Amino acid sequence: MSTQAPDQDQAQDAYLDSAELSRWEYVGMASGVLLFVSLFLPWFTTGSNPDSEIASAGIGPNSNATAWQTFRIMDWALLALSFAPFILAWIVARRHKLDWPTGEVTMVTGLIGIFLVLCNGLILGKPDPGIQISLAIGWFLGLLGCIGIFTAGLIRQGENASGKGRKPPGSV
């Protein structure tokens, strides 16, 4: 015979238990939606200079290019990254037991997203200012979405690890 209250039995038998989700899962999912939406907004704009063109997007002067137009592989990687917080929320709501701190993989995917967006906007291939290609709203929202995914995963795995008293590898 069960010593638990009937509503506790129902919560444990439910396929998904949204009570298990912290606010950080919701922040992560909102960031994932932001990243997803950013892929369809302009990431780059070209100026009036005749040399202002983005060959991979097939656009010339005075135009905008979305992530889907500009990238061939990175857009798909960012799309996959935008689903990471939803997978984390599903894992938490299903009460799955993991071998790693909950949120760690989401944190890592968010960090990969930050790296990809920064590399493809500021670090690699930044044209000469005279070419007049600049970053647009989609790029900034994509970066913000990746930062949100990273932060949500970081704090979630930190909360989980501190509750279990985990120690860093190599410590006594």
N, C-alpha and C. Protein backbone atom coordinates (compact mmCIF):
# COMPACT_ATOMS: atom_id res chain seq x y z
N MET A 1 0.82 -1.18 0.00
CA MET A 1 0.00 0.00 0.00
C MET A 1 0.87 1.25 0.00
N SER A 2 0.49 2.26 -0.73
CA SER A 2 1.29 3.48 -0.87
C SER A 2 1.05 4.40 0.31
N THR A 3 2.14 4.99 0.82
CA THR A 3 2.02 5.94 1.92
C THR A 3 1.96 7.37 1.42
N GLN A 4 2.03 7.56 0.10
CA GLN A 4 2.00 8.89 -0.47
C GLN A 4 0.55 9.32 -0.69
N ALA A 5 0.37 10.62 -0.71
CA ALA A 5 -0.95 11.17 -1.00
C ALA A 5 -1.32 10.86 -2.44
N PRO A 6 -2.62 10.77 -2.74
CA PRO A 6 -3.04 10.43 -4.12
C PRO A 6 -2.54 11.42 -5.16
N ASP A 7 -2.48 12.71 -4.84
CA ASP A 7 -2.01 13.67 -5.85
C ASP A 7 -0.52 13.51 -6.11
N GLN A 8 0.26 13.02 -5.13
CA GLN A 8 1.67 12.74 -5.37
C GLN A 8 1.84 11.55 -6.30
N ASP A 9 0.99 10.53 -6.13
CA ASP A 9 1.02 9.37 -7.03
C ASP A 9 0.72 9.80 -8.46
N GLN A 10 -0.27 10.69 -8.62
CA GLN A 10 -0.62 11.15 -9.96
C GLN A 10 0.53 11.94 -10.58
N ALA A 11 1.22 12.77 -9.77
CA ALA A 11 2.34 13.56 -10.29
C ALA A 11 3.48 12.65 -10.73
N GLN A 12 3.73 11.55 -9.97
CA GLN A 12 4.80 10.63 -10.35
C GLN A 12 4.41 9.79 -11.56
N ASP A 13 3.13 9.55 -11.76
CA ASP A 13 2.68 8.76 -12.89
C ASP A 13 2.51 9.58 -14.16
N ALA A 14 2.49 10.91 -14.04
CA ALA A 14 2.29 11.77 -15.21
C ALA A 14 3.49 11.64 -16.15
N TYR A 15 3.21 11.70 -17.45
CA TYR A 15 4.27 11.60 -18.44
C TYR A 15 5.24 12.77 -18.30
N LEU A 16 4.71 13.99 -18.20
CA LEU A 16 5.51 15.18 -18.01
C LEU A 16 5.02 15.90 -16.76
N ASP A 17 5.95 16.35 -15.93
CA ASP A 17 5.60 17.09 -14.72
C ASP A 17 6.23 18.47 -14.81
N SER A 18 5.42 19.47 -15.17
CA SER A 18 5.95 20.82 -15.35
C SER A 18 6.38 21.45 -14.03
N ALA A 19 5.98 20.88 -12.90
CA ALA A 19 6.42 21.39 -11.61
C ALA A 19 7.92 21.18 -11.41
N GLU A 20 8.51 20.26 -12.15
CA GLU A 20 9.95 20.00 -12.06
C GLU A 20 10.78 21.09 -12.74
N LEU A 21 10.17 21.88 -13.62
CA LEU A 21 10.90 22.89 -14.38
C LEU A 21 11.18 24.11 -13.50
N SER A 22 12.41 24.60 -13.57
CA SER A 22 12.74 25.84 -12.87
C SER A 22 12.57 27.00 -13.85
N ARG A 23 12.73 28.18 -13.34
CA ARG A 23 12.59 29.34 -14.24
C ARG A 23 13.67 29.34 -15.30
N TRP A 24 14.80 28.66 -15.03
CA TRP A 24 15.89 28.66 -15.99
C TRP A 24 15.57 27.81 -17.21
N GLU A 25 14.73 26.80 -17.07
CA GLU A 25 14.27 26.06 -18.25
C GLU A 25 13.42 26.98 -19.12
N TYR A 26 12.59 27.80 -18.49
CA TYR A 26 11.75 28.72 -19.26
C TYR A 26 12.59 29.82 -19.92
N VAL A 27 13.61 30.31 -19.21
CA VAL A 27 14.52 31.29 -19.82
C VAL A 27 15.23 30.66 -21.01
N GLY A 28 15.69 29.43 -20.85
CA GLY A 28 16.36 28.74 -21.95
C GLY A 28 15.44 28.53 -23.14
N MET A 29 14.19 28.13 -22.89
CA MET A 29 13.26 27.92 -24.00
C MET A 29 12.94 29.23 -24.71
N ALA A 30 12.78 30.33 -23.95
CA ALA A 30 12.54 31.64 -24.58
C ALA A 30 13.76 32.04 -25.42
N SER A 31 14.95 31.75 -24.92
CA SER A 31 16.17 32.05 -25.68
C SER A 31 16.26 31.19 -26.94
N GLY A 32 15.82 29.94 -26.84
CA GLY A 32 15.80 29.07 -28.02
C GLY A 32 14.85 29.60 -29.08
N VAL A 33 13.69 30.09 -28.65
CA VAL A 33 12.73 30.68 -29.60
C VAL A 33 13.34 31.94 -30.23
N LEU A 34 14.01 32.75 -29.41
CA LEU A 34 14.66 33.96 -29.94
C LEU A 34 15.71 33.61 -30.99
N LEU A 35 16.51 32.61 -30.71
CA LEU A 35 17.52 32.17 -31.68
C LEU A 35 16.85 31.68 -32.96
N PHE A 36 15.81 30.88 -32.82
CA PHE A 36 15.09 30.36 -33.98
C PHE A 36 14.53 31.50 -34.84
N VAL A 37 13.88 32.46 -34.21
CA VAL A 37 13.29 33.59 -34.95
C VAL A 37 14.37 34.42 -35.62
N SER A 38 15.52 34.57 -34.94
CA SER A 38 16.60 35.39 -35.51
C SER A 38 17.11 34.85 -36.84
N LEU A 39 17.00 33.54 -37.04
CA LEU A 39 17.49 32.94 -38.28
C LEU A 39 16.73 33.45 -39.51
N PHE A 40 15.52 33.96 -39.31
CA PHE A 40 14.68 34.43 -40.41
C PHE A 40 14.71 35.96 -40.56
N LEU A 41 15.43 36.63 -39.67
CA LEU A 41 15.58 38.08 -39.74
C LEU A 41 16.90 38.42 -40.43
N PRO A 42 17.05 39.67 -40.90
CA PRO A 42 18.32 40.05 -41.54
C PRO A 42 19.49 39.97 -40.57
N TRP A 43 20.55 39.27 -40.97
CA TRP A 43 21.77 39.18 -40.19
C TRP A 43 22.82 40.16 -40.71
N PHE A 44 22.79 40.43 -41.99
CA PHE A 44 23.77 41.33 -42.59
C PHE A 44 23.05 42.27 -43.54
N THR A 45 23.55 43.50 -43.62
CA THR A 45 23.03 44.46 -44.58
C THR A 45 24.19 44.99 -45.41
N THR A 46 23.89 45.34 -46.64
CA THR A 46 24.91 45.91 -47.52
C THR A 46 24.58 47.37 -47.77
N GLY A 47 25.61 48.16 -47.95
CA GLY A 47 25.44 49.58 -48.20
C GLY A 47 25.30 49.87 -49.69
N SER A 48 25.45 51.14 -50.03
CA SER A 48 25.26 51.58 -51.42
C SER A 48 26.50 51.37 -52.29
N ASN A 49 27.63 51.04 -51.70
CA ASN A 49 28.86 50.80 -52.45
C ASN A 49 28.62 49.64 -53.43
N PRO A 50 28.99 49.78 -54.70
CA PRO A 50 28.79 48.70 -55.66
C PRO A 50 29.53 47.41 -55.31
N ASP A 51 30.59 47.52 -54.47
CA ASP A 51 31.32 46.33 -54.04
C ASP A 51 30.67 45.65 -52.84
N SER A 52 29.60 46.24 -52.34
CA SER A 52 28.91 45.66 -51.18
C SER A 52 28.01 44.54 -51.64
N GLU A 53 28.52 43.33 -51.56
CA GLU A 53 27.72 42.17 -51.93
C GLU A 53 28.09 41.00 -51.04
N ILE A 54 27.13 40.11 -50.85
CA ILE A 54 27.37 38.88 -50.11
C ILE A 54 27.11 37.75 -51.11
N ALA A 55 28.20 37.18 -51.62
CA ALA A 55 28.09 36.19 -52.69
C ALA A 55 27.34 34.95 -52.24
N SER A 56 27.56 34.50 -51.00
CA SER A 56 26.89 33.28 -50.54
C SER A 56 25.38 33.46 -50.45
N ALA A 57 24.94 34.71 -50.22
CA ALA A 57 23.50 34.99 -50.14
C ALA A 57 22.94 35.42 -51.48
N GLY A 58 23.82 35.74 -52.42
CA GLY A 58 23.38 36.19 -53.73
C GLY A 58 22.74 37.57 -53.71
N ILE A 59 23.22 38.45 -52.82
CA ILE A 59 22.66 39.80 -52.75
C ILE A 59 23.73 40.83 -53.05
N GLY A 60 23.29 41.97 -53.53
CA GLY A 60 24.20 43.06 -53.87
C GLY A 60 23.98 44.25 -52.97
N PRO A 61 24.28 45.44 -53.48
CA PRO A 61 24.16 46.67 -52.69
C PRO A 61 22.73 46.92 -52.22
N ASN A 62 22.61 47.60 -51.09
CA ASN A 62 21.33 48.01 -50.50
C ASN A 62 20.39 46.83 -50.27
N SER A 63 20.91 45.76 -49.72
CA SER A 63 20.10 44.56 -49.48
C SER A 63 20.34 44.01 -48.07
N ASN A 64 19.49 43.07 -47.70
CA ASN A 64 19.62 42.36 -46.42
C ASN A 64 19.77 40.87 -46.71
N ALA A 65 20.45 40.17 -45.80
CA ALA A 65 20.59 38.72 -45.93
C ALA A 65 20.32 38.07 -44.58
N THR A 66 19.46 37.04 -44.59
CA THR A 66 19.17 36.29 -43.37
C THR A 66 20.26 35.23 -43.18
N ALA A 67 20.20 34.56 -42.04
CA ALA A 67 21.14 33.46 -41.79
C ALA A 67 20.93 32.35 -42.80
N TRP A 68 19.67 32.09 -43.17
CA TRP A 68 19.37 31.02 -44.14
C TRP A 68 19.96 31.35 -45.51
N GLN A 69 20.00 32.62 -45.87
CA GLN A 69 20.56 33.00 -47.17
C GLN A 69 22.09 32.99 -47.15
N THR A 70 22.67 33.34 -46.01
CA THR A 70 24.10 33.55 -45.93
C THR A 70 24.89 32.27 -45.70
N PHE A 71 24.42 31.44 -44.79
CA PHE A 71 25.18 30.27 -44.37
C PHE A 71 24.67 29.00 -45.03
N ARG A 72 25.56 28.04 -45.17
CA ARG A 72 25.17 26.75 -45.74
C ARG A 72 25.04 25.67 -44.67
N ILE A 73 25.90 25.72 -43.66
CA ILE A 73 25.90 24.72 -42.60
C ILE A 73 25.56 25.34 -41.25
N MET A 74 26.09 26.51 -40.98
CA MET A 74 25.90 27.12 -39.67
C MET A 74 24.43 27.37 -39.35
N ASP A 75 23.63 27.68 -40.34
CA ASP A 75 22.21 27.91 -40.07
C ASP A 75 21.54 26.66 -39.51
N TRP A 76 21.93 25.50 -40.03
CA TRP A 76 21.39 24.24 -39.52
C TRP A 76 21.91 23.94 -38.12
N ALA A 77 23.18 24.29 -37.86
CA ALA A 77 23.73 24.10 -36.52
C ALA A 77 23.00 24.99 -35.51
N LEU A 78 22.74 26.23 -35.88
CA LEU A 78 22.01 27.13 -34.99
C LEU A 78 20.56 26.69 -34.79
N LEU A 79 19.97 26.13 -35.83
CA LEU A 79 18.63 25.59 -35.69
C LEU A 79 18.63 24.46 -34.66
N ALA A 80 19.60 23.56 -34.75
CA ALA A 80 19.70 22.46 -33.78
C ALA A 80 19.96 23.01 -32.38
N LEU A 81 20.80 24.03 -32.27
CA LEU A 81 21.09 24.63 -30.97
C LEU A 81 19.84 25.24 -30.35
N SER A 82 18.95 25.77 -31.17
CA SER A 82 17.74 26.39 -30.62
C SER A 82 16.81 25.37 -29.97
N PHE A 83 16.98 24.08 -30.30
CA PHE A 83 16.14 23.04 -29.69
C PHE A 83 16.72 22.51 -28.38
N ALA A 84 17.97 22.80 -28.07
CA ALA A 84 18.62 22.26 -26.86
C ALA A 84 17.86 22.58 -25.57
N PRO A 85 17.38 23.81 -25.36
CA PRO A 85 16.65 24.08 -24.12
C PRO A 85 15.33 23.30 -24.01
N PHE A 86 14.71 23.02 -25.14
CA PHE A 86 13.46 22.25 -25.11
C PHE A 86 13.75 20.80 -24.76
N ILE A 87 14.87 20.29 -25.23
CA ILE A 87 15.26 18.92 -24.88
C ILE A 87 15.57 18.85 -23.39
N LEU A 88 16.27 19.87 -22.86
CA LEU A 88 16.55 19.92 -21.43
C LEU A 88 15.26 19.95 -20.62
N ALA A 89 14.31 20.78 -21.02
CA ALA A 89 13.03 20.87 -20.31
C ALA A 89 12.30 19.53 -20.34
N TRP A 90 12.35 18.84 -21.47
CA TRP A 90 11.71 17.54 -21.58
C TRP A 90 12.38 16.53 -20.63
N ILE A 91 13.71 16.55 -20.58
CA ILE A 91 14.44 15.64 -19.70
C ILE A 91 14.08 15.91 -18.24
N VAL A 92 14.02 17.19 -17.86
CA VAL A 92 13.69 17.55 -16.48
C VAL A 92 12.25 17.18 -16.16
N ALA A 93 11.32 17.50 -17.07
CA ALA A 93 9.91 17.21 -16.82
C ALA A 93 9.63 15.71 -16.78
N ARG A 94 10.43 14.91 -17.46
CA ARG A 94 10.27 13.45 -17.43
C ARG A 94 10.99 12.82 -16.24
N ARG A 95 11.76 13.63 -15.51
CA ARG A 95 12.50 13.17 -14.33
C ARG A 95 13.52 12.08 -14.67
N HIS A 96 14.18 12.25 -15.82
CA HIS A 96 15.22 11.31 -16.22
C HIS A 96 16.44 11.49 -15.32
N LYS A 97 17.08 10.40 -15.03
CA LYS A 97 18.34 10.43 -14.26
C LYS A 97 19.48 10.47 -15.28
N LEU A 98 20.37 11.44 -15.10
CA LEU A 98 21.47 11.62 -16.03
C LEU A 98 22.80 11.34 -15.34
N ASP A 99 23.81 11.00 -16.13
CA ASP A 99 25.15 10.79 -15.60
C ASP A 99 25.94 12.09 -15.49
N TRP A 100 25.38 13.18 -15.95
CA TRP A 100 26.03 14.48 -15.90
C TRP A 100 25.04 15.46 -15.30
N PRO A 101 25.51 16.61 -14.80
CA PRO A 101 24.59 17.58 -14.22
C PRO A 101 23.57 18.08 -15.25
N THR A 102 22.33 18.14 -14.82
CA THR A 102 21.27 18.62 -15.70
C THR A 102 21.59 20.05 -16.14
N GLY A 103 21.56 20.29 -17.41
CA GLY A 103 21.84 21.62 -17.96
C GLY A 103 23.23 21.75 -18.53
N GLU A 104 24.11 20.80 -18.25
CA GLU A 104 25.50 20.91 -18.71
C GLU A 104 25.59 20.89 -20.24
N VAL A 105 24.88 20.00 -20.87
CA VAL A 105 24.92 19.90 -22.34
C VAL A 105 24.31 21.16 -22.96
N THR A 106 23.24 21.67 -22.36
CA THR A 106 22.63 22.90 -22.86
C THR A 106 23.60 24.07 -22.73
N MET A 107 24.32 24.12 -21.63
CA MET A 107 25.33 25.16 -21.43
C MET A 107 26.40 25.09 -22.52
N VAL A 108 26.87 23.89 -22.80
CA VAL A 108 27.91 23.72 -23.82
C VAL A 108 27.39 24.10 -25.20
N THR A 109 26.17 23.69 -25.53
CA THR A 109 25.62 24.06 -26.84
C THR A 109 25.45 25.57 -26.96
N GLY A 110 25.04 26.22 -25.88
CA GLY A 110 24.93 27.68 -25.90
C GLY A 110 26.28 28.33 -26.13
N LEU A 111 27.32 27.78 -25.51
CA LEU A 111 28.67 28.32 -25.69
C LEU A 111 29.14 28.12 -27.13
N ILE A 112 28.84 26.97 -27.71
CA ILE A 112 29.18 26.73 -29.12
C ILE A 112 28.46 27.74 -30.01
N GLY A 113 27.19 28.00 -29.71
CA GLY A 113 26.43 28.99 -30.48
C GLY A 113 27.04 30.37 -30.39
N ILE A 114 27.44 30.78 -29.18
CA ILE A 114 28.09 32.09 -29.01
C ILE A 114 29.34 32.16 -29.87
N PHE A 115 30.14 31.12 -29.82
CA PHE A 115 31.37 31.07 -30.61
C PHE A 115 31.08 31.17 -32.11
N LEU A 116 30.10 30.40 -32.60
CA LEU A 116 29.76 30.43 -34.02
C LEU A 116 29.28 31.80 -34.47
N VAL A 117 28.40 32.41 -33.69
CA VAL A 117 27.86 33.71 -34.07
C VAL A 117 28.96 34.78 -34.04
N LEU A 118 29.77 34.78 -33.00
CA LEU A 118 30.86 35.77 -32.94
C LEU A 118 31.86 35.58 -34.07
N CYS A 119 32.21 34.34 -34.35
CA CYS A 119 33.16 34.09 -35.45
C CYS A 119 32.60 34.53 -36.79
N ASN A 120 31.32 34.33 -37.01
CA ASN A 120 30.74 34.66 -38.30
C ASN A 120 30.14 36.06 -38.35
N GLY A 121 30.53 36.90 -37.42
CA GLY A 121 30.09 38.28 -37.48
C GLY A 121 31.20 39.27 -37.15
N LEU A 122 32.07 38.87 -36.23
CA LEU A 122 33.10 39.81 -35.79
C LEU A 122 34.52 39.30 -36.00
N ILE A 123 34.77 38.03 -35.76
CA ILE A 123 36.14 37.53 -35.72
C ILE A 123 36.66 37.14 -37.10
N LEU A 124 35.94 36.32 -37.82
CA LEU A 124 36.41 35.82 -39.12
C LEU A 124 35.73 36.54 -40.28
N GLY A 125 36.49 36.89 -41.26
CA GLY A 125 35.92 37.40 -42.50
C GLY A 125 35.22 38.74 -42.42
N LYS A 126 35.56 39.56 -41.44
CA LYS A 126 34.95 40.89 -41.37
C LYS A 126 35.52 41.73 -42.49
N PRO A 127 34.64 42.21 -43.39
CA PRO A 127 35.16 42.98 -44.53
C PRO A 127 35.66 44.36 -44.12
N ASP A 128 36.43 44.96 -45.01
CA ASP A 128 36.93 46.31 -44.83
C ASP A 128 35.73 47.25 -44.63
N PRO A 129 35.81 48.23 -43.71
CA PRO A 129 34.68 49.14 -43.50
C PRO A 129 34.20 49.85 -44.77
N GLY A 130 35.08 50.04 -45.74
CA GLY A 130 34.69 50.70 -46.99
C GLY A 130 33.74 49.85 -47.84
N ILE A 131 33.68 48.57 -47.59
CA ILE A 131 32.81 47.68 -48.36
C ILE A 131 31.35 47.87 -47.96
N GLN A 132 31.10 48.36 -46.76
CA GLN A 132 29.76 48.66 -46.27
C GLN A 132 28.89 47.42 -46.09
N ILE A 133 29.42 46.42 -45.45
CA ILE A 133 28.60 45.29 -45.01
C ILE A 133 28.57 45.36 -43.49
N SER A 134 27.37 45.41 -42.93
CA SER A 134 27.25 45.55 -41.48
C SER A 134 26.31 44.50 -40.91
N LEU A 135 26.39 44.37 -39.60
CA LEU A 135 25.55 43.41 -38.89
C LEU A 135 24.15 44.00 -38.73
N ALA A 136 23.14 43.14 -38.82
CA ALA A 136 21.76 43.58 -38.69
C ALA A 136 21.14 42.96 -37.43
N ILE A 137 19.89 43.25 -37.21
CA ILE A 137 19.19 42.87 -35.99
C ILE A 137 19.19 41.35 -35.75
N GLY A 138 19.09 40.56 -36.76
CA GLY A 138 19.07 39.11 -36.61
C GLY A 138 20.33 38.58 -35.97
N TRP A 139 21.49 39.15 -36.35
CA TRP A 139 22.76 38.72 -35.78
C TRP A 139 22.78 38.98 -34.28
N PHE A 140 22.35 40.18 -33.88
CA PHE A 140 22.36 40.55 -32.46
C PHE A 140 21.36 39.70 -31.67
N LEU A 141 20.19 39.45 -32.24
CA LEU A 141 19.21 38.59 -31.55
C LEU A 141 19.70 37.14 -31.47
N GLY A 142 20.38 36.68 -32.52
CA GLY A 142 20.96 35.34 -32.49
C GLY A 142 22.00 35.21 -31.39
N LEU A 143 22.86 36.22 -31.26
CA LEU A 143 23.86 36.22 -30.20
C LEU A 143 23.19 36.26 -28.83
N LEU A 144 22.17 37.08 -28.68
CA LEU A 144 21.44 37.17 -27.41
C LEU A 144 20.77 35.83 -27.07
N GLY A 145 20.20 35.18 -28.08
CA GLY A 145 19.58 33.86 -27.86
C GLY A 145 20.60 32.84 -27.40
N CYS A 146 21.77 32.82 -28.02
CA CYS A 146 22.83 31.88 -27.62
C CYS A 146 23.33 32.17 -26.21
N ILE A 147 23.47 33.45 -25.87
CA ILE A 147 23.88 33.82 -24.51
C ILE A 147 22.83 33.37 -23.50
N GLY A 148 21.55 33.53 -23.85
CA GLY A 148 20.49 33.10 -22.96
C GLY A 148 20.48 31.59 -22.76
N ILE A 149 20.71 30.83 -23.83
CA ILE A 149 20.77 29.36 -23.73
C ILE A 149 21.95 28.96 -22.84
N PHE A 150 23.10 29.58 -23.08
CA PHE A 150 24.28 29.30 -22.27
C PHE A 150 24.03 29.61 -20.79
N THR A 151 23.49 30.78 -20.52
CA THR A 151 23.25 31.21 -19.14
C THR A 151 22.25 30.29 -18.44
N ALA A 152 21.18 29.94 -19.12
CA ALA A 152 20.18 29.05 -18.53
C ALA A 152 20.77 27.69 -18.20
N GLY A 153 21.55 27.14 -19.11
CA GLY A 153 22.20 25.86 -18.85
C GLY A 153 23.23 25.95 -17.75
N LEU A 154 24.00 27.03 -17.73
CA LEU A 154 25.03 27.23 -16.71
C LEU A 154 24.41 27.28 -15.32
N ILE A 155 23.39 28.09 -15.16
CA ILE A 155 22.77 28.23 -13.84
C ILE A 155 22.04 26.96 -13.44
N ARG A 156 21.37 26.31 -14.40
CA ARG A 156 20.66 25.06 -14.09
C ARG A 156 21.63 23.97 -13.65
N GLN A 157 22.73 23.81 -14.35
CA GLN A 157 23.67 22.78 -13.94
C GLN A 157 24.35 23.15 -12.64
N GLY A 158 24.54 24.44 -12.37
CA GLY A 158 25.10 24.88 -11.10
C GLY A 158 24.17 24.59 -9.94
N GLU A 159 22.87 24.84 -10.14
CA GLU A 159 21.87 24.54 -9.10
C GLU A 159 21.84 23.05 -8.83
N ASN A 160 21.86 22.26 -9.89
CA ASN A 160 21.80 20.80 -9.75
C ASN A 160 23.05 20.27 -9.05
N ALA A 161 24.22 20.76 -9.44
CA ALA A 161 25.47 20.28 -8.88
C ALA A 161 25.61 20.69 -7.42
N SER A 162 25.18 21.91 -7.06
CA SER A 162 25.32 22.35 -5.68
C SER A 162 24.39 21.57 -4.76
N GLY A 163 23.27 21.13 -5.27
CA GLY A 163 22.34 20.35 -4.46
C GLY A 163 22.86 18.96 -4.16
N LYS A 164 23.72 18.41 -5.00
CA LYS A 164 24.24 17.06 -4.81
C LYS A 164 25.62 17.06 -4.17
N GLY A 165 26.20 18.24 -3.96
CA GLY A 165 27.51 18.31 -3.35
C GLY A 165 28.62 17.77 -4.23
N ARG A 166 28.49 17.94 -5.54
CA ARG A 166 29.51 17.45 -6.47
C ARG A 166 30.78 18.26 -6.30
N LYS A 167 31.89 17.59 -6.54
CA LYS A 167 33.18 18.25 -6.47
C LYS A 167 33.81 18.23 -7.85
N PRO A 168 34.65 19.23 -8.16
CA PRO A 168 35.35 19.21 -9.44
C PRO A 168 36.26 18.00 -9.53
N PRO A 169 36.54 17.51 -10.74
CA PRO A 169 37.45 16.37 -10.90
C PRO A 169 38.82 16.69 -10.32
N GLY A 170 39.40 15.70 -9.64
CA GLY A 170 40.73 15.86 -9.10
C GLY A 170 40.77 16.48 -7.71
N SER A 171 39.62 16.92 -7.19
CA SER A 171 39.62 17.50 -5.85
C SER A 171 39.31 16.42 -4.82
N VAL A 172 39.73 16.66 -3.60
CA VAL A 172 39.54 15.67 -2.53
C VAL A 172 38.43 16.11 -1.61
